[in-house]
Amino acid sequence: MLLTRSLPKVGNAIKRILVRCPQTGKLTDTGRTVAEASFPTTRLTNNKMTCLHCGQVHSWTKKDVVLAR
């Protein structure tokens, strides 16, 4: 019997949006997600969050984003 495994399609994955804390340098989860394939055309608005690492409110832009699993 031949078993096959489905591989995930590249670009269809849902990714968490992370940004780096300017105080600590650690990556922080923004609580948002995005489909990897649509990220280039996604408009991100209201980009403020309270940082889990330092407790301050940070503003961020799309240029600051790191996509994670």
PDB file of N, CA and C in Angstrom:
ATOM      1  N   MET A   1       0.847  -1.163   0.000  1.00  0.00           N
ATOM      2  CA  MET A   1       0.000   0.000   0.000  1.00  0.00           C
ATOM      3  C   MET A   1       0.900   1.237   0.000  1.00  0.00           C
ATOM      4  N   LEU A   2       0.599   2.186  -0.879  1.00  0.00           N
ATOM      5  CA  LEU A   2       1.364   3.420  -0.993  1.00  0.00           C
ATOM      6  C   LEU A   2       0.634   4.523  -0.244  1.00  0.00           C
ATOM      7  N   LEU A   3       1.323   5.124   0.713  1.00  0.00           N
ATOM      8  CA  LEU A   3       0.744   6.230   1.469  1.00  0.00           C
ATOM      9  C   LEU A   3       1.316   7.538   0.956  1.00  0.00           C
ATOM     10  N   THR A   4       0.462   8.483   0.748  1.00  0.00           N
ATOM     11  CA  THR A   4       0.939   9.800   0.322  1.00  0.00           C
ATOM     12  C   THR A   4       0.544  10.824   1.369  1.00  0.00           C
ATOM     13  N   ARG A   5       1.320  11.862   1.415  1.00  0.00           N
ATOM     14  CA  ARG A   5       1.062  12.917   2.380  1.00  0.00           C
ATOM     15  C   ARG A   5       0.832  14.208   1.620  1.00  0.00           C
ATOM     16  N   SER A   6      -0.200  14.914   1.987  1.00  0.00           N
ATOM     17  CA  SER A   6      -0.468  16.197   1.351  1.00  0.00           C
ATOM     18  C   SER A   6       0.450  17.243   1.938  1.00  0.00           C
ATOM     19  N   LEU A   7       1.092  17.985   1.071  1.00  0.00           N
ATOM     20  CA  LEU A   7       1.937  19.078   1.521  1.00  0.00           C
ATOM     21  C   LEU A   7       1.131  20.363   1.465  1.00  0.00           C
ATOM     22  N   PRO A   8       1.325  21.245   2.429  1.00  0.00           N
ATOM     23  CA  PRO A   8       0.580  22.509   2.397  1.00  0.00           C
ATOM     24  C   PRO A   8       0.975  23.327   1.187  1.00  0.00           C
ATOM     25  N   LYS A   9       0.001  24.005   0.608  1.00  0.00           N
ATOM     26  CA  LYS A   9       0.277  24.848  -0.540  1.00  0.00           C
ATOM     27  C   LYS A   9       1.004  26.096  -0.059  1.00  0.00           C
ATOM     28  N   VAL A  10       2.037  26.453  -0.770  1.00  0.00           N
ATOM     29  CA  VAL A  10       2.814  27.632  -0.413  1.00  0.00           C
ATOM     30  C   VAL A  10       1.936  28.865  -0.576  1.00  0.00           C
ATOM     31  N   GLY A  11       1.950  29.733   0.403  1.00  0.00           N
ATOM     32  CA  GLY A  11       1.207  30.981   0.323  1.00  0.00           C
ATOM     33  C   GLY A  11      -0.194  30.930   0.891  1.00  0.00           C
ATOM     34  N   ASN A  12      -0.733  29.763   1.164  1.00  0.00           N
ATOM     35  CA  ASN A  12      -2.092  29.670   1.697  1.00  0.00           C
ATOM     36  C   ASN A  12      -2.125  29.660   3.222  1.00  0.00           C
ATOM     37  N   ALA A  13      -0.979  29.649   3.834  1.00  0.00           N
ATOM     38  CA  ALA A  13      -0.914  29.546   5.287  1.00  0.00           C
ATOM     39  C   ALA A  13      -1.370  30.835   5.955  1.00  0.00           C
ATOM     40  N   ILE A  14      -2.009  30.685   7.091  1.00  0.00           N
ATOM     41  CA  ILE A  14      -2.379  31.829   7.922  1.00  0.00           C
ATOM     42  C   ILE A  14      -1.194  32.113   8.840  1.00  0.00           C
ATOM     43  N   LYS A  15      -0.738  33.343   8.826  1.00  0.00           N
ATOM     44  CA  LYS A  15       0.438  33.727   9.612  1.00  0.00           C
ATOM     45  C   LYS A  15       0.063  34.737  10.686  1.00  0.00           C
ATOM     46  N   ARG A  16       0.758  34.682  11.800  1.00  0.00           N
ATOM     47  CA  ARG A  16       0.598  35.672  12.855  1.00  0.00           C
ATOM     48  C   ARG A  16       1.443  36.886  12.501  1.00  0.00           C
ATOM     49  N   ILE A  17       0.947  38.071  12.827  1.00  0.00           N
ATOM     50  CA  ILE A  17       1.683  39.303  12.565  1.00  0.00           C
ATOM     51  C   ILE A  17       2.432  39.690  13.843  1.00  0.00           C
ATOM     52  N   LEU A  18       3.757  39.714  13.749  1.00  0.00           N
ATOM     53  CA  LEU A  18       4.621  40.075  14.857  1.00  0.00           C
ATOM     54  C   LEU A  18       5.355  41.373  14.533  1.00  0.00           C
ATOM     55  N   VAL A  19       5.674  42.136  15.571  1.00  0.00           N
ATOM     56  CA  VAL A  19       6.540  43.314  15.415  1.00  0.00           C
ATOM     57  C   VAL A  19       7.573  43.286  16.539  1.00  0.00           C
ATOM     58  N   ARG A  20       8.695  43.963  16.301  1.00  0.00           N
ATOM     59  CA  ARG A  20       9.774  43.981  17.274  1.00  0.00           C
ATOM     60  C   ARG A  20       9.606  45.150  18.238  1.00  0.00           C
ATOM     61  N   CYS A  21       9.707  44.876  19.510  1.00  0.00           N
ATOM     62  CA  CYS A  21       9.629  45.910  20.538  1.00  0.00           C
ATOM     63  C   CYS A  21      10.867  46.797  20.425  1.00  0.00           C
ATOM     64  N   PRO A  22      10.690  48.114  20.279  1.00  0.00           N
ATOM     65  CA  PRO A  22      11.853  48.992  20.155  1.00  0.00           C
ATOM     66  C   PRO A  22      12.657  49.120  21.455  1.00  0.00           C
ATOM     67  N   GLN A  23      12.057  48.780  22.577  1.00  0.00           N
ATOM     68  CA  GLN A  23      12.752  48.879  23.863  1.00  0.00           C
ATOM     69  C   GLN A  23      13.597  47.636  24.161  1.00  0.00           C
ATOM     70  N   THR A  24      13.029  46.458  23.890  1.00  0.00           N
ATOM     71  CA  THR A  24      13.706  45.209  24.257  1.00  0.00           C
ATOM     72  C   THR A  24      14.302  44.474  23.059  1.00  0.00           C
ATOM     73  N   GLY A  25      13.810  44.768  21.855  1.00  0.00           N
ATOM     74  CA  GLY A  25      14.272  44.059  20.663  1.00  0.00           C
ATOM     75  C   GLY A  25      13.606  42.711  20.465  1.00  0.00           C
ATOM     76  N   LYS A  26      12.669  42.356  21.339  1.00  0.00           N
ATOM     77  CA  LYS A  26      11.991  41.059  21.239  1.00  0.00           C
ATOM     78  C   LYS A  26      10.764  41.171  20.337  1.00  0.00           C
ATOM     79  N   LEU A  27      10.466  40.073  19.623  1.00  0.00           N
ATOM     80  CA  LEU A  27       9.270  40.028  18.789  1.00  0.00           C
ATOM     81  C   LEU A  27       8.037  39.910  19.663  1.00  0.00           C
ATOM     82  N   THR A  28       6.996  40.645  19.292  1.00  0.00           N
ATOM     83  CA  THR A  28       5.745  40.673  20.040  1.00  0.00           C
ATOM     84  C   THR A  28       4.587  40.374  19.110  1.00  0.00           C
ATOM     85  N   ASP A  29       3.689  39.512  19.537  1.00  0.00           N
ATOM     86  CA  ASP A  29       2.501  39.178  18.756  1.00  0.00           C
ATOM     87  C   ASP A  29       1.509  40.345  18.833  1.00  0.00           C
ATOM     88  N   THR A  30       1.014  40.769  17.666  1.00  0.00           N
ATOM     89  CA  THR A  30       0.053  41.868  17.617  1.00  0.00           C
ATOM     90  C   THR A  30      -1.375  41.404  17.860  1.00  0.00           C
ATOM     91  N   GLY A  31      -1.594  40.085  17.844  1.00  0.00           N
ATOM     92  CA  GLY A  31      -2.938  39.547  17.986  1.00  0.00           C
ATOM     93  C   GLY A  31      -3.680  39.482  16.663  1.00  0.00           C
ATOM     94  N   ARG A  32      -2.992  39.797  15.577  1.00  0.00           N
ATOM     95  CA  ARG A  32      -3.607  39.761  14.246  1.00  0.00           C
ATOM     96  C   ARG A  32      -3.022  38.620  13.427  1.00  0.00           C
ATOM     97  N   THR A  33      -3.800  38.161  12.443  1.00  0.00           N
ATOM     98  CA  THR A  33      -3.330  37.153  11.504  1.00  0.00           C
ATOM     99  C   THR A  33      -3.647  37.607  10.089  1.00  0.00           C
ATOM    100  N   VAL A  34      -2.969  36.987   9.126  1.00  0.00           N
ATOM    101  CA  VAL A  34      -3.185  37.315   7.716  1.00  0.00           C
ATOM    102  C   VAL A  34      -2.825  36.093   6.880  1.00  0.00           C
ATOM    103  N   ALA A  35      -3.523  35.924   5.767  1.00  0.00           N
ATOM    104  CA  ALA A  35      -3.161  34.871   4.818  1.00  0.00           C
ATOM    105  C   ALA A  35      -1.871  35.305   4.132  1.00  0.00           C
ATOM    106  N   GLU A  36      -0.892  34.435   4.138  1.00  0.00           N
ATOM    107  CA  GLU A  36       0.421  34.775   3.587  1.00  0.00           C
ATOM    108  C   GLU A  36       0.339  35.274   2.147  1.00  0.00           C
ATOM    109  N   ALA A  37      -0.502  34.645   1.353  1.00  0.00           N
ATOM    110  CA  ALA A  37      -0.612  35.018  -0.059  1.00  0.00           C
ATOM    111  C   ALA A  37      -1.182  36.413  -0.253  1.00  0.00           C
ATOM    112  N   SER A  38      -2.027  36.865   0.676  1.00  0.00           N
ATOM    113  CA  SER A  38      -2.649  38.180   0.518  1.00  0.00           C
ATOM    114  C   SER A  38      -1.884  39.293   1.233  1.00  0.00           C
ATOM    115  N   PHE A  39      -0.827  38.964   1.963  1.00  0.00           N
ATOM    116  CA  PHE A  39      -0.108  39.978   2.725  1.00  0.00           C
ATOM    117  C   PHE A  39       0.414  41.142   1.868  1.00  0.00           C
ATOM    118  N   PRO A  40       0.962  40.889   0.678  1.00  0.00           N
ATOM    119  CA  PRO A  40       1.469  42.023  -0.112  1.00  0.00           C
ATOM    120  C   PRO A  40       0.420  43.087  -0.435  1.00  0.00           C
ATOM    121  N   THR A  41      -0.845  42.709  -0.530  1.00  0.00           N
ATOM    122  CA  THR A  41      -1.892  43.677  -0.880  1.00  0.00           C
ATOM    123  C   THR A  41      -2.771  44.062   0.314  1.00  0.00           C
ATOM    124  N   THR A  42      -2.472  43.520   1.475  1.00  0.00           N
ATOM    125  CA  THR A  42      -3.256  43.807   2.673  1.00  0.00           C
ATOM    126  C   THR A  42      -2.940  45.200   3.193  1.00  0.00           C
ATOM    127  N   ARG A  43      -3.996  45.955   3.510  1.00  0.00           N
ATOM    128  CA  ARG A  43      -3.824  47.259   4.147  1.00  0.00           C
ATOM    129  C   ARG A  43      -3.988  47.071   5.645  1.00  0.00           C
ATOM    130  N   LEU A  44      -3.007  47.512   6.380  1.00  0.00           N
ATOM    131  CA  LEU A  44      -3.046  47.400   7.830  1.00  0.00           C
ATOM    132  C   LEU A  44      -3.343  48.772   8.415  1.00  0.00           C
ATOM    133  N   THR A  45      -4.387  48.858   9.235  1.00  0.00           N
ATOM    134  CA  THR A  45      -4.772  50.128   9.839  1.00  0.00           C
ATOM    135  C   THR A  45      -4.854  49.974  11.350  1.00  0.00           C
ATOM    136  N   ASN A  46      -4.866  51.112  12.035  1.00  0.00           N
ATOM    137  CA  ASN A  46      -4.979  51.126  13.495  1.00  0.00           C
ATOM    138  C   ASN A  46      -3.864  50.303  14.127  1.00  0.00           C
ATOM    139  N   ASN A  47      -2.641  50.631  13.771  1.00  0.00           N
ATOM    140  CA  ASN A  47      -1.485  49.817  14.140  1.00  0.00           C
ATOM    141  C   ASN A  47      -0.843  50.265  15.443  1.00  0.00           C
ATOM    142  N   LYS A  48      -1.553  50.068  16.520  1.00  0.00           N
ATOM    143  CA  LYS A  48      -1.015  50.320  17.848  1.00  0.00           C
ATOM    144  C   LYS A  48      -1.286  49.100  18.704  1.00  0.00           C
ATOM    145  N   MET A  49      -0.377  48.839  19.617  1.00  0.00           N
ATOM    146  CA  MET A  49      -0.556  47.701  20.518  1.00  0.00           C
ATOM    147  C   MET A  49       0.177  47.962  21.811  1.00  0.00           C
ATOM    148  N   THR A  50      -0.301  47.355  22.866  1.00  0.00           N
ATOM    149  CA  THR A  50       0.410  47.391  24.133  1.00  0.00           C
ATOM    150  C   THR A  50       1.363  46.211  24.147  1.00  0.00           C
ATOM    151  N   CYS A  51       2.626  46.507  24.301  1.00  0.00           N
ATOM    152  CA  CYS A  51       3.680  45.500  24.219  1.00  0.00           C
ATOM    153  C   CYS A  51       3.682  44.596  25.446  1.00  0.00           C
ATOM    154  N   LEU A  52       3.772  43.292  25.215  1.00  0.00           N
ATOM    155  CA  LEU A  52       3.825  42.324  26.301  1.00  0.00           C
ATOM    156  C   LEU A  52       5.172  42.339  27.015  1.00  0.00           C
ATOM    157  N   HIS A  53       6.203  42.866  26.341  1.00  0.00           N
ATOM    158  CA  HIS A  53       7.550  42.840  26.913  1.00  0.00           C
ATOM    159  C   HIS A  53       7.852  44.045  27.793  1.00  0.00           C
ATOM    160  N   CYS A  54       7.430  45.240  27.368  1.00  0.00           N
ATOM    161  CA  CYS A  54       7.788  46.444  28.123  1.00  0.00           C
ATOM    162  C   CYS A  54       6.583  47.206  28.666  1.00  0.00           C
ATOM    163  N   GLY A  55       5.368  46.855  28.219  1.00  0.00           N
ATOM    164  CA  GLY A  55       4.156  47.485  28.721  1.00  0.00           C
ATOM    165  C   GLY A  55       3.798  48.812  28.069  1.00  0.00           C
ATOM    166  N   GLN A  56       4.636  49.294  27.159  1.00  0.00           N
ATOM    167  CA  GLN A  56       4.354  50.553  26.481  1.00  0.00           C
ATOM    168  C   GLN A  56       3.477  50.317  25.255  1.00  0.00           C
ATOM    169  N   VAL A  57       2.817  51.387  24.789  1.00  0.00           N
ATOM    170  CA  VAL A  57       2.032  51.323  23.555  1.00  0.00           C
ATOM    171  C   VAL A  57       2.960  51.667  22.403  1.00  0.00           C
ATOM    172  N   HIS A  58       3.032  50.778  21.420  1.00  0.00           N
ATOM    173  CA  HIS A  58       3.879  50.982  20.244  1.00  0.00           C
ATOM    174  C   HIS A  58       3.014  51.168  19.006  1.00  0.00           C
ATOM    175  N   SER A  59       3.417  52.075  18.145  1.00  0.00           N
ATOM    176  CA  SER A  59       2.835  52.204  16.807  1.00  0.00           C
ATOM    177  C   SER A  59       3.764  51.469  15.855  1.00  0.00           C
ATOM    178  N   TRP A  60       3.183  50.852  14.821  1.00  0.00           N
ATOM    179  CA  TRP A  60       4.005  50.121  13.868  1.00  0.00           C
ATOM    180  C   TRP A  60       3.421  50.237  12.476  1.00  0.00           C
ATOM    181  N   THR A  61       4.257  49.964  11.470  1.00  0.00           N
ATOM    182  CA  THR A  61       3.838  49.994  10.076  1.00  0.00           C
ATOM    183  C   THR A  61       4.051  48.613   9.458  1.00  0.00           C
ATOM    184  N   LYS A  62       3.599  48.466   8.245  1.00  0.00           N
ATOM    185  CA  LYS A  62       3.747  47.194   7.530  1.00  0.00           C
ATOM    186  C   LYS A  62       5.223  46.825   7.369  1.00  0.00           C
ATOM    187  N   LYS A  63       6.079  47.826   7.265  1.00  0.00           N
ATOM    188  CA  LYS A  63       7.522  47.578   7.126  1.00  0.00           C
ATOM    189  C   LYS A  63       8.109  46.909   8.364  1.00  0.00           C
ATOM    190  N   ASP A  64       7.455  47.077   9.503  1.00  0.00           N
ATOM    191  CA  ASP A  64       7.946  46.508  10.762  1.00  0.00           C
ATOM    192  C   ASP A  64       7.521  45.062  10.988  1.00  0.00           C
ATOM    193  N   VAL A  65       6.636  44.542  10.156  1.00  0.00           N
ATOM    194  CA  VAL A  65       6.000  43.236  10.371  1.00  0.00           C
ATOM    195  C   VAL A  65       6.924  42.089  10.051  1.00  0.00           C
ATOM    196  N   VAL A  66       6.870  41.082  10.930  1.00  0.00           N
ATOM    197  CA  VAL A  66       7.482  39.774  10.697  1.00  0.00           C
ATOM    198  C   VAL A  66       6.339  38.773  10.730  1.00  0.00           C
ATOM    199  N   LEU A  67       6.214  37.953   9.682  1.00  0.00           N
ATOM    200  CA  LEU A  67       5.166  36.926   9.657  1.00  0.00           C
ATOM    201  C   LEU A  67       5.675  35.652  10.300  1.00  0.00           C
ATOM    202  N   ALA A  68       4.882  35.096  11.200  1.00  0.00           N
ATOM    203  CA  ALA A  68       5.249  33.880  11.902  1.00  0.00           C
ATOM    204  C   ALA A  68       4.187  32.818  11.694  1.00  0.00           C
ATOM    205  N   ARG A  69       4.474  31.590  12.071  1.00  0.00           N
ATOM    206  CA  ARG A  69       3.532  30.482  11.922  1.00  0.00           C
ATOM    207  C   ARG A  69       2.228  30.742  12.596  1.00  0.00           C
TER     208      ARG A  69
END
